[in-house]
């Protein structure tokens, strides 16, 4: 399967994705529509700060308002739901790429910590020495698998999982070392 075509993020979209709190808001609103108050409570943040981020995500199309509903005490609430748009974008060739990459890592670590010590379903590390074509092939093949699973309907009896995938450069080793290193 060929991975889906991702379009380059606009500068506004890339900036919106370059904040770990915004990425956490998107993840929280993926499975259920949440109000600004609910988001602030779950994130342990001030509602005004969260509202600023919610508005930015709505303005860039990453969140959409859900139907207004009546809250516990009768007040009207405006919940938001993630659109999934972030999966269709690439920030790789934008000025925000370093900040977006760091934001993804910070959001992942925060989500993992929040989920508790038994949350990790598995970890693997692998060291490779790749030329540009091999690196691109690896990324393309992994993204094809991720696209396939993302396109599937949610398993009705399934549990929510997150996945963080990164390819990063390592410090260059002395000559003579190469190939596949053992998992560490």
N, C-alpha and C. Protein backbone atom coordinates (compact mmCIF):
# COMPACT_ATOMS: atom_id res chain seq x y z
N UNK A 1 0.85 -1.19 0.00
CA UNK A 1 0.00 0.00 0.00
C UNK A 1 0.89 1.24 0.00
N UNK A 2 0.57 2.19 -0.83
CA UNK A 2 1.31 3.45 -0.91
C UNK A 2 0.73 4.41 0.12
N UNK A 3 1.60 5.13 0.85
CA UNK A 3 1.06 6.06 1.84
C UNK A 3 0.23 7.16 1.19
N UNK A 4 -0.70 7.70 1.97
CA UNK A 4 -1.53 8.78 1.45
C UNK A 4 -0.65 9.98 1.11
N UNK A 5 -1.11 10.75 0.16
CA UNK A 5 -0.40 11.97 -0.19
C UNK A 5 -0.64 13.00 0.92
N UNK A 6 0.42 13.52 1.44
CA UNK A 6 0.32 14.58 2.44
C UNK A 6 0.68 15.88 1.77
N UNK A 7 -0.06 16.90 2.07
CA UNK A 7 0.27 18.20 1.49
C UNK A 7 1.09 19.00 2.49
N UNK A 8 1.91 19.91 1.99
CA UNK A 8 2.68 20.75 2.91
C UNK A 8 1.74 21.62 3.75
N UNK A 9 2.06 21.74 5.00
CA UNK A 9 1.27 22.60 5.89
C UNK A 9 1.50 24.06 5.51
N UNK A 10 0.46 24.86 5.64
CA UNK A 10 0.63 26.30 5.47
C UNK A 10 1.43 26.81 6.67
N UNK A 11 1.98 28.01 6.59
CA UNK A 11 2.69 28.54 7.77
C UNK A 11 1.81 28.58 9.02
N UNK A 12 0.54 28.91 8.86
CA UNK A 12 -0.38 28.97 10.01
C UNK A 12 -0.62 27.57 10.59
N UNK A 13 -0.81 26.59 9.70
CA UNK A 13 -1.01 25.21 10.16
C UNK A 13 0.24 24.67 10.86
N UNK A 14 1.40 24.93 10.27
CA UNK A 14 2.65 24.45 10.87
C UNK A 14 2.85 25.08 12.24
N UNK A 15 2.54 26.36 12.36
CA UNK A 15 2.68 27.05 13.65
C UNK A 15 1.73 26.44 14.68
N UNK A 16 0.52 26.12 14.25
CA UNK A 16 -0.46 25.52 15.17
C UNK A 16 0.01 24.16 15.67
N UNK A 17 0.69 23.40 14.82
CA UNK A 17 1.17 22.07 15.19
C UNK A 17 2.49 22.10 15.95
N UNK A 18 3.08 23.26 16.09
CA UNK A 18 4.38 23.39 16.75
C UNK A 18 4.24 23.69 18.24
N UNK A 19 3.14 23.25 18.84
CA UNK A 19 2.90 23.50 20.26
C UNK A 19 2.41 22.20 20.90
N UNK A 20 3.12 21.69 21.91
CA UNK A 20 2.71 20.41 22.51
C UNK A 20 1.33 20.44 23.15
N UNK A 21 0.93 21.57 23.72
CA UNK A 21 -0.40 21.66 24.33
C UNK A 21 -1.48 21.53 23.26
N UNK A 22 -1.26 22.12 22.11
CA UNK A 22 -2.23 22.01 21.01
C UNK A 22 -2.32 20.57 20.52
N UNK A 23 -1.19 19.89 20.44
CA UNK A 23 -1.22 18.49 20.01
C UNK A 23 -1.96 17.63 21.03
N UNK A 24 -1.81 17.94 22.30
CA UNK A 24 -2.53 17.18 23.33
C UNK A 24 -4.03 17.46 23.24
N UNK A 25 -4.41 18.70 22.94
CA UNK A 25 -5.82 19.03 22.77
C UNK A 25 -6.39 18.23 21.60
N UNK A 26 -5.66 18.16 20.50
CA UNK A 26 -6.14 17.39 19.35
C UNK A 26 -6.34 15.92 19.71
N UNK A 27 -5.40 15.35 20.45
CA UNK A 27 -5.51 13.94 20.84
C UNK A 27 -6.69 13.73 21.76
N UNK A 28 -6.91 14.64 22.72
CA UNK A 28 -8.02 14.48 23.65
C UNK A 28 -9.37 14.58 22.92
N UNK A 29 -9.44 15.40 21.90
CA UNK A 29 -10.70 15.61 21.18
C UNK A 29 -10.89 14.63 20.02
N UNK A 30 -9.99 13.68 19.89
CA UNK A 30 -10.10 12.71 18.81
C UNK A 30 -11.22 11.71 19.06
N UNK A 31 -11.32 11.19 20.28
CA UNK A 31 -12.30 10.15 20.59
C UNK A 31 -13.62 10.69 21.11
N UNK A 32 -13.60 11.91 21.64
CA UNK A 32 -14.83 12.49 22.16
C UNK A 32 -14.76 14.01 22.06
N UNK A 33 -15.92 14.62 21.90
CA UNK A 33 -15.99 16.07 21.85
C UNK A 33 -15.89 16.59 23.29
N UNK A 34 -15.00 17.56 23.49
CA UNK A 34 -14.78 18.11 24.82
C UNK A 34 -14.92 19.62 24.80
N UNK A 35 -15.41 20.17 25.89
CA UNK A 35 -15.52 21.62 26.03
C UNK A 35 -14.19 22.20 26.46
N UNK A 36 -14.07 23.50 26.35
CA UNK A 36 -12.86 24.17 26.81
C UNK A 36 -12.63 23.90 28.30
N UNK A 37 -13.69 23.92 29.08
CA UNK A 37 -13.57 23.65 30.52
C UNK A 37 -13.05 22.23 30.76
N UNK A 38 -13.60 21.25 30.05
CA UNK A 38 -13.16 19.86 30.21
C UNK A 38 -11.69 19.72 29.80
N UNK A 39 -11.30 20.36 28.72
CA UNK A 39 -9.91 20.32 28.27
C UNK A 39 -8.98 20.92 29.33
N UNK A 40 -9.37 22.08 29.86
CA UNK A 40 -8.54 22.74 30.87
C UNK A 40 -8.37 21.84 32.11
N UNK A 41 -9.46 21.19 32.52
CA UNK A 41 -9.38 20.29 33.68
C UNK A 41 -8.45 19.11 33.41
N UNK A 42 -8.60 18.48 32.24
CA UNK A 42 -7.78 17.30 31.92
C UNK A 42 -6.31 17.66 31.74
N UNK A 43 -6.06 18.86 31.27
CA UNK A 43 -4.68 19.28 31.02
C UNK A 43 -4.07 20.01 32.22
N UNK A 44 -4.89 20.29 33.24
CA UNK A 44 -4.39 21.01 34.41
C UNK A 44 -3.94 22.42 34.06
N UNK A 45 -4.66 23.06 33.18
CA UNK A 45 -4.30 24.40 32.70
C UNK A 45 -5.44 25.38 32.95
N UNK A 46 -5.11 26.64 32.88
CA UNK A 46 -6.08 27.72 33.00
C UNK A 46 -7.01 27.71 31.79
N UNK A 47 -8.34 27.83 31.99
CA UNK A 47 -9.26 27.81 30.85
C UNK A 47 -8.98 28.89 29.81
N UNK A 48 -8.51 30.05 30.24
CA UNK A 48 -8.21 31.11 29.28
C UNK A 48 -7.06 30.74 28.36
N UNK A 49 -6.05 30.11 28.90
CA UNK A 49 -4.92 29.65 28.09
C UNK A 49 -5.37 28.58 27.11
N UNK A 50 -6.16 27.64 27.59
CA UNK A 50 -6.64 26.57 26.73
C UNK A 50 -7.52 27.14 25.62
N UNK A 51 -8.38 28.12 25.96
CA UNK A 51 -9.26 28.72 24.96
C UNK A 51 -8.45 29.37 23.84
N UNK A 52 -7.35 30.02 24.18
CA UNK A 52 -6.47 30.61 23.16
C UNK A 52 -6.02 29.53 22.17
N UNK A 53 -5.59 28.38 22.69
CA UNK A 53 -5.12 27.29 21.83
C UNK A 53 -6.26 26.66 21.05
N UNK A 54 -7.42 26.50 21.68
CA UNK A 54 -8.59 25.95 20.99
C UNK A 54 -8.96 26.84 19.81
N UNK A 55 -8.99 28.14 20.03
CA UNK A 55 -9.34 29.08 18.95
C UNK A 55 -8.36 28.98 17.79
N UNK A 56 -7.09 28.84 18.10
CA UNK A 56 -6.08 28.68 17.05
C UNK A 56 -6.32 27.40 16.25
N UNK A 57 -6.65 26.32 16.95
CA UNK A 57 -6.90 25.04 16.28
C UNK A 57 -8.18 25.07 15.45
N UNK A 58 -9.19 25.79 15.91
CA UNK A 58 -10.42 25.95 15.13
C UNK A 58 -10.13 26.79 13.88
N UNK A 59 -9.39 27.88 14.05
CA UNK A 59 -9.09 28.78 12.93
C UNK A 59 -8.29 28.08 11.83
N UNK A 60 -7.49 27.08 12.19
CA UNK A 60 -6.67 26.38 11.20
C UNK A 60 -7.29 25.05 10.76
N UNK A 61 -8.51 24.75 11.23
CA UNK A 61 -9.22 23.57 10.76
C UNK A 61 -8.87 22.27 11.44
N UNK A 62 -8.12 22.33 12.53
CA UNK A 62 -7.76 21.10 13.25
C UNK A 62 -8.84 20.66 14.23
N UNK A 63 -9.63 21.60 14.71
CA UNK A 63 -10.78 21.33 15.58
C UNK A 63 -12.01 21.93 14.94
N UNK A 64 -13.15 21.28 15.17
CA UNK A 64 -14.43 21.85 14.75
C UNK A 64 -15.37 21.82 15.95
N UNK A 65 -16.23 22.85 16.04
CA UNK A 65 -17.21 22.81 17.13
C UNK A 65 -18.23 21.71 16.86
N UNK A 66 -18.59 21.00 17.90
CA UNK A 66 -19.64 19.99 17.83
C UNK A 66 -20.95 20.68 18.18
N UNK A 67 -22.04 19.95 18.19
CA UNK A 67 -23.33 20.55 18.54
C UNK A 67 -23.31 21.05 19.97
N UNK A 68 -23.87 22.24 20.16
CA UNK A 68 -23.98 22.79 21.51
C UNK A 68 -24.87 21.86 22.32
N UNK A 69 -24.47 21.64 23.57
CA UNK A 69 -25.21 20.71 24.42
C UNK A 69 -25.46 21.36 25.78
N UNK A 70 -26.36 20.75 26.51
CA UNK A 70 -26.68 21.25 27.84
C UNK A 70 -25.78 20.54 28.85
N UNK A 71 -25.13 21.32 29.70
CA UNK A 71 -24.23 20.78 30.71
C UNK A 71 -24.97 20.27 31.93
N UNK A 72 -24.19 19.79 32.91
CA UNK A 72 -24.76 19.21 34.12
C UNK A 72 -25.68 20.17 34.85
N UNK A 73 -25.33 21.45 34.90
CA UNK A 73 -26.11 22.43 35.65
C UNK A 73 -27.05 23.23 34.75
N UNK A 74 -27.27 22.75 33.53
CA UNK A 74 -28.22 23.39 32.63
C UNK A 74 -27.62 24.42 31.70
N UNK A 75 -26.38 24.80 31.92
CA UNK A 75 -25.75 25.79 31.04
C UNK A 75 -25.42 25.15 29.69
N UNK A 76 -25.42 25.96 28.65
CA UNK A 76 -25.07 25.47 27.32
C UNK A 76 -23.55 25.36 27.21
N UNK A 77 -23.08 24.25 26.62
CA UNK A 77 -21.66 23.99 26.45
C UNK A 77 -21.35 23.83 24.97
N UNK A 78 -20.17 24.29 24.59
CA UNK A 78 -19.72 24.16 23.20
C UNK A 78 -18.53 23.20 23.17
N UNK A 79 -18.77 21.95 22.79
CA UNK A 79 -17.67 20.99 22.70
C UNK A 79 -16.96 21.07 21.34
N UNK A 80 -15.74 20.55 21.31
CA UNK A 80 -14.93 20.55 20.09
C UNK A 80 -14.45 19.13 19.81
N UNK A 81 -14.29 18.85 18.51
CA UNK A 81 -13.81 17.53 18.09
C UNK A 81 -12.66 17.72 17.09
N UNK A 82 -11.68 16.84 17.19
CA UNK A 82 -10.55 16.86 16.27
C UNK A 82 -11.01 16.40 14.89
N UNK A 83 -10.48 17.03 13.85
CA UNK A 83 -10.84 16.67 12.48
C UNK A 83 -9.95 15.59 11.89
N UNK A 84 -8.81 15.32 12.52
CA UNK A 84 -7.85 14.35 11.96
C UNK A 84 -6.99 14.95 10.86
N UNK A 85 -7.14 16.23 10.62
CA UNK A 85 -6.42 16.92 9.54
C UNK A 85 -4.90 16.84 9.70
N UNK A 86 -4.42 16.81 10.92
CA UNK A 86 -2.96 16.84 11.12
C UNK A 86 -2.27 15.66 10.47
N UNK A 87 -2.96 14.52 10.36
CA UNK A 87 -2.36 13.33 9.74
C UNK A 87 -2.15 13.52 8.24
N UNK A 88 -2.85 14.46 7.64
CA UNK A 88 -2.77 14.65 6.19
C UNK A 88 -1.75 15.71 5.78
N UNK A 89 -1.05 16.28 6.76
CA UNK A 89 -0.12 17.38 6.48
C UNK A 89 1.32 16.97 6.72
N UNK A 90 2.21 17.67 6.05
CA UNK A 90 3.64 17.52 6.27
C UNK A 90 4.20 18.87 6.69
N UNK A 91 4.91 18.89 7.80
CA UNK A 91 5.58 20.12 8.23
C UNK A 91 7.07 20.03 7.95
N UNK A 92 7.48 18.97 7.25
CA UNK A 92 8.89 18.70 7.01
C UNK A 92 9.66 19.78 6.29
N UNK A 93 9.03 20.52 5.43
CA UNK A 93 9.74 21.55 4.67
C UNK A 93 9.32 22.95 5.07
N UNK A 94 8.97 23.13 6.34
CA UNK A 94 8.55 24.45 6.79
C UNK A 94 9.53 24.96 7.85
N UNK A 95 9.47 26.24 8.11
CA UNK A 95 10.32 26.84 9.14
C UNK A 95 9.96 26.30 10.52
N UNK A 96 8.74 25.80 10.68
CA UNK A 96 8.28 25.30 11.98
C UNK A 96 8.68 23.86 12.24
N UNK A 97 9.38 23.21 11.29
CA UNK A 97 9.70 21.78 11.45
C UNK A 97 10.40 21.45 12.77
N UNK A 98 11.47 22.16 13.15
CA UNK A 98 12.12 21.79 14.43
C UNK A 98 11.17 21.94 15.63
N UNK A 99 10.40 23.01 15.65
CA UNK A 99 9.47 23.23 16.76
C UNK A 99 8.36 22.20 16.74
N UNK A 100 7.86 21.83 15.56
CA UNK A 100 6.79 20.84 15.47
C UNK A 100 7.30 19.47 15.90
N UNK A 101 8.51 19.12 15.52
CA UNK A 101 9.09 17.84 15.94
C UNK A 101 9.25 17.79 17.45
N UNK A 102 9.75 18.86 18.04
CA UNK A 102 9.92 18.92 19.48
C UNK A 102 8.56 18.88 20.18
N UNK A 103 7.56 19.55 19.60
CA UNK A 103 6.22 19.55 20.18
C UNK A 103 5.62 18.15 20.18
N UNK A 104 5.84 17.39 19.09
CA UNK A 104 5.34 16.02 19.03
C UNK A 104 5.97 15.16 20.12
N UNK A 105 7.28 15.31 20.30
CA UNK A 105 7.98 14.54 21.31
C UNK A 105 7.47 14.91 22.71
N UNK A 106 7.33 16.20 22.99
CA UNK A 106 6.86 16.64 24.30
C UNK A 106 5.42 16.17 24.56
N UNK A 107 4.57 16.25 23.54
CA UNK A 107 3.19 15.79 23.70
C UNK A 107 3.15 14.29 23.96
N UNK A 108 3.96 13.53 23.23
CA UNK A 108 4.03 12.08 23.43
C UNK A 108 4.45 11.76 24.87
N UNK A 109 5.51 12.39 25.34
CA UNK A 109 5.99 12.12 26.69
C UNK A 109 4.95 12.50 27.74
N UNK A 110 4.26 13.62 27.54
CA UNK A 110 3.22 14.04 28.49
C UNK A 110 2.05 13.06 28.48
N UNK A 111 1.64 12.61 27.30
CA UNK A 111 0.54 11.65 27.21
C UNK A 111 0.92 10.32 27.86
N UNK A 112 2.14 9.89 27.65
CA UNK A 112 2.60 8.64 28.24
C UNK A 112 2.65 8.76 29.76
N UNK A 113 3.15 9.86 30.27
CA UNK A 113 3.20 10.07 31.72
C UNK A 113 1.80 10.14 32.32
N UNK A 114 0.91 10.82 31.62
CA UNK A 114 -0.47 10.96 32.09
C UNK A 114 -1.20 9.61 32.14
N UNK A 115 -0.88 8.74 31.20
CA UNK A 115 -1.56 7.44 31.12
C UNK A 115 -1.09 6.48 32.20
N UNK A 116 0.06 6.73 32.80
CA UNK A 116 0.51 5.90 33.91
C UNK A 116 1.62 4.94 33.54
N UNK A 117 2.22 4.31 34.55
CA UNK A 117 3.41 3.49 34.34
C UNK A 117 3.19 2.24 33.50
N UNK A 118 1.97 1.75 33.42
CA UNK A 118 1.71 0.54 32.63
C UNK A 118 1.15 0.85 31.25
N UNK A 119 1.22 2.11 30.83
CA UNK A 119 0.59 2.53 29.58
C UNK A 119 1.33 2.05 28.33
N UNK A 120 2.63 1.96 28.39
CA UNK A 120 3.40 1.61 27.19
C UNK A 120 3.11 0.17 26.78
N UNK A 121 2.63 0.01 25.56
CA UNK A 121 2.33 -1.33 25.04
C UNK A 121 3.59 -1.97 24.45
N UNK A 122 4.59 -1.17 24.17
CA UNK A 122 5.83 -1.71 23.64
C UNK A 122 6.77 -0.61 23.21
N UNK A 123 8.04 -0.89 23.32
CA UNK A 123 9.07 0.03 22.86
C UNK A 123 10.09 -0.77 22.07
N UNK A 124 10.61 -0.18 21.03
CA UNK A 124 11.70 -0.77 20.27
C UNK A 124 12.64 0.34 19.84
N UNK A 125 13.90 0.03 19.81
CA UNK A 125 14.91 0.95 19.29
C UNK A 125 15.78 0.17 18.32
N UNK A 126 16.20 0.82 17.29
CA UNK A 126 17.01 0.18 16.28
C UNK A 126 17.96 1.21 15.70
N UNK A 127 19.19 0.85 15.50
CA UNK A 127 20.16 1.73 14.87
C UNK A 127 20.48 1.20 13.48
N UNK A 128 20.39 2.05 12.48
CA UNK A 128 20.66 1.69 11.09
C UNK A 128 21.63 2.68 10.48
N UNK A 129 22.30 2.27 9.44
CA UNK A 129 23.08 3.18 8.61
C UNK A 129 22.45 3.12 7.23
N UNK A 130 21.88 4.23 6.80
CA UNK A 130 21.09 4.26 5.57
C UNK A 130 21.54 5.38 4.66
N UNK A 131 21.48 5.14 3.37
CA UNK A 131 21.68 6.24 2.42
C UNK A 131 20.33 6.94 2.27
N UNK A 132 20.27 8.10 1.63
CA UNK A 132 19.00 8.83 1.53
C UNK A 132 17.86 8.01 0.90
N UNK A 133 18.16 7.21 -0.11
CA UNK A 133 17.10 6.42 -0.76
C UNK A 133 16.55 5.36 0.20
N UNK A 134 17.42 4.71 0.94
CA UNK A 134 16.97 3.69 1.90
C UNK A 134 16.16 4.30 3.03
N UNK A 135 16.60 5.48 3.51
CA UNK A 135 15.86 6.16 4.56
C UNK A 135 14.46 6.53 4.09
N UNK A 136 14.38 7.04 2.87
CA UNK A 136 13.09 7.40 2.30
C UNK A 136 12.20 6.16 2.12
N UNK A 137 12.80 5.06 1.67
CA UNK A 137 12.03 3.81 1.52
C UNK A 137 11.49 3.33 2.87
N UNK A 138 12.32 3.37 3.89
CA UNK A 138 11.88 2.95 5.22
C UNK A 138 10.71 3.81 5.69
N UNK A 139 10.85 5.12 5.59
CA UNK A 139 9.79 6.01 6.03
C UNK A 139 8.52 5.79 5.22
N UNK A 140 8.63 5.62 3.92
CA UNK A 140 7.47 5.40 3.06
C UNK A 140 6.74 4.12 3.44
N UNK A 141 7.49 3.06 3.68
CA UNK A 141 6.87 1.78 4.02
C UNK A 141 6.20 1.82 5.39
N UNK A 142 6.85 2.44 6.36
CA UNK A 142 6.23 2.55 7.70
C UNK A 142 4.97 3.40 7.62
N UNK A 143 5.05 4.53 6.92
CA UNK A 143 3.86 5.39 6.80
C UNK A 143 2.72 4.68 6.07
N UNK A 144 3.04 3.81 5.11
CA UNK A 144 1.99 3.05 4.43
C UNK A 144 1.24 2.17 5.42
N UNK A 145 1.97 1.53 6.32
CA UNK A 145 1.32 0.69 7.34
C UNK A 145 0.48 1.56 8.27
N UNK A 146 1.03 2.69 8.70
CA UNK A 146 0.28 3.58 9.58
C UNK A 146 -0.98 4.11 8.90
N UNK A 147 -0.85 4.49 7.61
CA UNK A 147 -2.02 4.95 6.85
C UNK A 147 -3.10 3.87 6.78
N UNK A 148 -2.66 2.62 6.56
CA UNK A 148 -3.61 1.51 6.48
C UNK A 148 -4.40 1.37 7.79
N UNK A 149 -3.70 1.41 8.92
CA UNK A 149 -4.38 1.27 10.20
C UNK A 149 -5.22 2.50 10.53
N UNK A 150 -4.76 3.68 10.16
CA UNK A 150 -5.52 4.90 10.42
C UNK A 150 -6.82 4.90 9.65
N UNK A 151 -6.84 4.31 8.45
CA UNK A 151 -8.03 4.30 7.60
C UNK A 151 -9.07 3.27 8.05
N UNK A 152 -8.66 2.32 8.86
CA UNK A 152 -9.61 1.30 9.33
C UNK A 152 -10.62 1.92 10.28
N UNK A 153 -11.84 1.37 10.29
CA UNK A 153 -12.79 1.82 11.31
C UNK A 153 -12.29 1.39 12.69
N UNK A 154 -12.64 2.15 13.69
CA UNK A 154 -12.24 1.82 15.06
C UNK A 154 -12.84 0.47 15.45
N UNK A 155 -12.05 -0.34 16.13
CA UNK A 155 -12.55 -1.62 16.63
C UNK A 155 -13.55 -1.33 17.74
N UNK A 156 -14.79 -1.84 17.63
CA UNK A 156 -15.81 -1.52 18.64
C UNK A 156 -15.42 -1.95 20.06
N UNK A 157 -14.63 -3.01 20.18
CA UNK A 157 -14.21 -3.47 21.50
C UNK A 157 -12.75 -3.11 21.78
N UNK A 158 -12.21 -2.18 21.00
CA UNK A 158 -10.80 -1.82 21.11
C UNK A 158 -10.52 -0.81 22.21
N UNK A 159 -9.24 -0.66 22.50
CA UNK A 159 -8.76 0.34 23.45
C UNK A 159 -8.05 1.43 22.67
N UNK A 160 -8.08 2.68 23.16
CA UNK A 160 -7.35 3.75 22.46
C UNK A 160 -5.84 3.62 22.67
N UNK A 161 -5.10 3.74 21.59
CA UNK A 161 -3.64 3.71 21.62
C UNK A 161 -3.10 4.94 20.92
N UNK A 162 -1.94 5.36 21.30
CA UNK A 162 -1.20 6.39 20.60
C UNK A 162 0.06 5.76 20.04
N UNK A 163 0.63 6.38 19.05
CA UNK A 163 1.83 5.86 18.44
C UNK A 163 2.73 7.03 18.12
N UNK A 164 3.99 6.91 18.45
CA UNK A 164 4.98 7.94 18.12
C UNK A 164 6.05 7.27 17.28
N UNK A 165 6.27 7.77 16.09
CA UNK A 165 7.27 7.21 15.20
C UNK A 165 8.26 8.32 14.85
N UNK A 166 9.52 8.04 14.99
CA UNK A 166 10.54 9.04 14.67
C UNK A 166 11.73 8.37 14.01
N UNK A 167 12.26 9.04 13.04
CA UNK A 167 13.55 8.67 12.47
C UNK A 167 14.46 9.85 12.80
N UNK A 168 15.58 9.58 13.44
CA UNK A 168 16.48 10.67 13.79
C UNK A 168 17.91 10.31 13.42
N UNK A 169 18.68 11.34 13.22
CA UNK A 169 20.09 11.12 12.93
C UNK A 169 20.81 10.78 14.23
N UNK A 170 21.80 9.92 14.11
CA UNK A 170 22.69 9.61 15.23
C UNK A 170 24.03 10.27 14.97
N UNK A 171 24.81 10.39 15.99
CA UNK A 171 26.17 10.90 15.83
C UNK A 171 26.92 9.94 14.92
N UNK A 172 27.67 10.46 13.99
CA UNK A 172 28.44 9.61 13.08
C UNK A 172 29.47 8.82 13.85
N UNK A 173 29.54 7.52 13.54
CA UNK A 173 30.50 6.63 14.18
C UNK A 173 31.80 6.63 13.38
N UNK A 174 32.84 6.11 13.99
CA UNK A 174 34.12 5.98 13.29
C UNK A 174 33.93 5.08 12.07
N UNK A 175 34.74 5.26 11.06
CA UNK A 175 34.61 4.43 9.86
C UNK A 175 34.82 2.96 10.19
N UNK A 176 34.20 2.12 9.41
CA UNK A 176 34.29 0.69 9.64
C UNK A 176 33.07 0.13 10.36
N UNK A 177 32.28 1.00 10.98
CA UNK A 177 31.05 0.51 11.62
C UNK A 177 29.90 0.84 10.70
N UNK A 178 28.95 0.03 10.66
CA UNK A 178 27.81 0.27 9.81
C UNK A 178 26.86 -0.89 9.84
N UNK A 179 25.89 -0.86 8.97
CA UNK A 179 24.90 -1.93 8.94
C UNK A 179 23.90 -1.80 10.07
N UNK A 180 23.35 -2.90 10.44
CA UNK A 180 22.33 -2.91 11.48
C UNK A 180 22.98 -3.19 12.82
N UNK A 181 22.70 -2.35 13.77
CA UNK A 181 23.19 -2.55 15.13
C UNK A 181 22.13 -3.26 15.94
N UNK A 182 22.49 -3.94 17.00
CA UNK A 182 21.48 -4.61 17.82
C UNK A 182 20.53 -3.61 18.44
N UNK A 183 19.33 -4.07 18.74
CA UNK A 183 18.37 -3.22 19.44
C UNK A 183 18.92 -2.90 20.80
N UNK A 184 18.71 -1.67 21.22
CA UNK A 184 19.22 -1.29 22.53
C UNK A 184 18.13 -0.69 23.38
